[in-house]
Amino acid sequence: MRVFARTPIDLAEQRVPRGRVYLIPERCKGCKLCVVLCPRKVLQESREINAKGYHFPEIVQGKGEECVHCEFCAMVCPEFAIFTLEVPT
C-alpha cells in the first residue's frame, strides 16, 4: 500500500473496489494507452504478437489482484480490446 502525505480520516472505513481485467488480443493495435495510464501498473506489453502484428497488453505477473476497476484502460482503448469487471469483495 502506498503512503501519502495526506490520508483521509475515514480511509479504514472505505471499501476499495477490486476488478478483473479482460483482454481481447486480436482487437489490439498496440497503442499502449492502457499500459501507460493504468494507475496500479497492472498491465505491460506482451512479447507475443496478435494476427495484426501488434504486441498486445498482458497482466503483469502477480499483479492481477491489484486492479481497482477504475476502467481507465477501457475508456482510452480505441479498439475496445480491454475492459474490467468489478469483483465482489
C-alpha atoms as a PDB file:
ATOM      1  CA  MET A   1       0.000   0.000   0.000  1.00  0.00           C
ATOM      2  CA  ARG A   2       1.264   3.466  -0.832  1.00  0.00           C
ATOM      3  CA  VAL A   3       1.902   6.066   1.831  1.00  0.00           C
ATOM      4  CA  PHE A   4       0.580   9.512   1.004  1.00  0.00           C
ATOM      5  CA  ALA A   5       1.296  12.871   2.597  1.00  0.00           C
ATOM      6  CA  ARG A   6      -2.446  13.296   3.152  1.00  0.00           C
ATOM      7  CA  THR A   7      -4.652  10.434   4.256  1.00  0.00           C
ATOM      8  CA  PRO A   8      -8.433  10.642   4.602  1.00  0.00           C
ATOM      9  CA  ILE A   9      -9.619  10.254   8.195  1.00  0.00           C
ATOM     10  CA  ASP A  10     -12.095   7.518   7.240  1.00  0.00           C
ATOM     11  CA  LEU A  11      -9.735   5.544   4.988  1.00  0.00           C
ATOM     12  CA  ALA A  12     -10.123   2.356   7.044  1.00  0.00           C
ATOM     13  CA  GLU A  13     -13.903   2.529   6.629  1.00  0.00           C
ATOM     14  CA  GLN A  14     -13.819   2.866   2.850  1.00  0.00           C
ATOM     15  CA  ARG A  15     -14.115  -0.086   0.501  1.00  0.00           C
ATOM     16  CA  VAL A  16     -11.547  -0.191  -2.293  1.00  0.00           C
ATOM     17  CA  PRO A  17     -13.147  -1.743  -5.376  1.00  0.00           C
ATOM     18  CA  ARG A  18     -11.425  -4.700  -6.989  1.00  0.00           C
ATOM     19  CA  GLY A  19     -11.587  -5.572 -10.637  1.00  0.00           C
ATOM     20  CA  ARG A  20     -10.579  -8.233 -13.097  1.00  0.00           C
ATOM     21  CA  VAL A  21      -9.020  -7.255 -16.428  1.00  0.00           C
ATOM     22  CA  TYR A  22     -10.221  -8.926 -19.612  1.00  0.00           C
ATOM     23  CA  LEU A  23      -8.257  -8.632 -22.841  1.00  0.00           C
ATOM     24  CA  ILE A  24      -9.262  -9.307 -26.436  1.00  0.00           C
ATOM     25  CA  PRO A  25      -5.793  -9.561 -28.023  1.00  0.00           C
ATOM     26  CA  GLU A  26      -6.993  -9.781 -31.619  1.00  0.00           C
ATOM     27  CA  ARG A  27      -8.620  -6.337 -31.413  1.00  0.00           C
ATOM     28  CA  CYS A  28      -5.492  -4.608 -30.092  1.00  0.00           C
ATOM     29  CA  LYS A  29      -3.443  -2.289 -32.310  1.00  0.00           C
ATOM     30  CA  GLY A  30      -0.616  -1.823 -29.818  1.00  0.00           C
ATOM     31  CA  CYS A  31      -1.168   1.823 -28.852  1.00  0.00           C
ATOM     32  CA  LYS A  32      -0.151   1.072 -25.220  1.00  0.00           C
ATOM     33  CA  LEU A  33      -2.534   3.689 -23.805  1.00  0.00           C
ATOM     34  CA  CYS A  34      -3.907   1.150 -21.332  1.00  0.00           C
ATOM     35  CA  VAL A  35      -0.405   0.214 -20.182  1.00  0.00           C
ATOM     36  CA  VAL A  36       0.683   3.830 -19.699  1.00  0.00           C
ATOM     37  CA  LEU A  37      -2.499   5.015 -17.966  1.00  0.00           C
ATOM     38  CA  CYS A  38      -3.051   2.121 -15.548  1.00  0.00           C
ATOM     39  CA  PRO A  39      -2.675   3.741 -12.098  1.00  0.00           C
ATOM     40  CA  ARG A  40      -1.733   0.442 -10.446  1.00  0.00           C
ATOM     41  CA  LYS A  41       0.652  -0.671 -13.235  1.00  0.00           C
ATOM     42  CA  VAL A  42      -1.260  -3.921 -13.688  1.00  0.00           C
ATOM     43  CA  LEU A  43      -0.558  -4.082 -17.441  1.00  0.00           C
ATOM     44  CA  GLN A  44       2.542  -4.483 -19.555  1.00  0.00           C
ATOM     45  CA  GLU A  45       3.251  -5.031 -23.244  1.00  0.00           C
ATOM     46  CA  SER A  46       3.434  -8.718 -24.069  1.00  0.00           C
ATOM     47  CA  ARG A  47       6.164 -10.374 -26.091  1.00  0.00           C
ATOM     48  CA  GLU A  48       3.536 -12.148 -28.162  1.00  0.00           C
ATOM     49  CA  ILE A  49       2.127 -10.688 -31.368  1.00  0.00           C
ATOM     50  CA  ASN A  50      -1.510 -10.894 -32.460  1.00  0.00           C
ATOM     51  CA  ALA A  51      -2.682 -11.686 -36.012  1.00  0.00           C
ATOM     52  CA  LYS A  52      -2.414  -7.991 -36.931  1.00  0.00           C
ATOM     53  CA  GLY A  53       1.258  -7.933 -35.940  1.00  0.00           C
ATOM     54  CA  TYR A  54       0.921  -5.881 -32.747  1.00  0.00           C
ATOM     55  CA  HIS A  55       2.140  -6.520 -29.225  1.00  0.00           C
ATOM     56  CA  PHE A  56      -0.976  -6.540 -27.063  1.00  0.00           C
ATOM     57  CA  PRO A  57      -1.136  -5.854 -23.308  1.00  0.00           C
ATOM     58  CA  GLU A  58      -0.955  -8.555 -20.683  1.00  0.00           C
ATOM     59  CA  ILE A  59      -1.341  -8.632 -16.937  1.00  0.00           C
ATOM     60  CA  VAL A  60       1.932  -8.276 -15.044  1.00  0.00           C
ATOM     61  CA  GLN A  61       2.855 -11.477 -13.216  1.00  0.00           C
ATOM     62  CA  GLY A  62       1.483 -11.307  -9.666  1.00  0.00           C
ATOM     63  CA  LYS A  63      -0.458  -8.050 -10.143  1.00  0.00           C
ATOM     64  CA  GLY A  64      -3.776  -9.442 -11.363  1.00  0.00           C
ATOM     65  CA  GLU A  65      -5.403  -8.798  -7.994  1.00  0.00           C
ATOM     66  CA  GLU A  66      -4.282  -5.150  -7.845  1.00  0.00           C
ATOM     67  CA  CYS A  67      -6.832  -3.838 -10.369  1.00  0.00           C
ATOM     68  CA  VAL A  68      -9.125  -1.273  -8.713  1.00  0.00           C
ATOM     69  CA  HIS A  69     -11.735  -1.277 -11.500  1.00  0.00           C
ATOM     70  CA  CYS A  70     -11.050   2.354 -12.411  1.00  0.00           C
ATOM     71  CA  GLU A  71     -11.807   1.485 -16.052  1.00  0.00           C
ATOM     72  CA  PHE A  72      -9.183   3.887 -17.430  1.00  0.00           C
ATOM     73  CA  CYS A  73      -7.969   1.127 -19.746  1.00  0.00           C
ATOM     74  CA  ALA A  74     -11.426   0.594 -21.218  1.00  0.00           C
ATOM     75  CA  MET A  75     -12.073   4.333 -21.574  1.00  0.00           C
ATOM     76  CA  VAL A  76      -8.907   5.026 -23.554  1.00  0.00           C
ATOM     77  CA  CYS A  77      -8.805   1.915 -25.747  1.00  0.00           C
ATOM     78  CA  PRO A  78      -9.727   2.988 -29.291  1.00  0.00           C
ATOM     79  CA  GLU A  79     -10.294  -0.637 -30.341  1.00  0.00           C
ATOM     80  CA  PHE A  80     -12.416  -1.821 -27.369  1.00  0.00           C
ATOM     81  CA  ALA A  81      -9.815  -4.524 -26.760  1.00  0.00           C
ATOM     82  CA  ILE A  82      -9.789  -4.340 -22.972  1.00  0.00           C
ATOM     83  CA  PHE A  83     -12.304  -3.980 -20.167  1.00  0.00           C
ATOM     84  CA  THR A  84     -12.663  -4.630 -16.460  1.00  0.00           C
ATOM     85  CA  LEU A  85     -15.455  -6.064 -14.347  1.00  0.00           C
ATOM     86  CA  GLU A  86     -15.818  -5.486 -10.639  1.00  0.00           C
ATOM     87  CA  VAL A  87     -15.089  -8.471  -8.445  1.00  0.00           C
ATOM     88  CA  PRO A  88     -17.145  -8.720  -5.241  1.00  0.00           C
ATOM     89  CA  THR A  89     -15.008  -8.393  -2.116  1.00  0.00           C
END
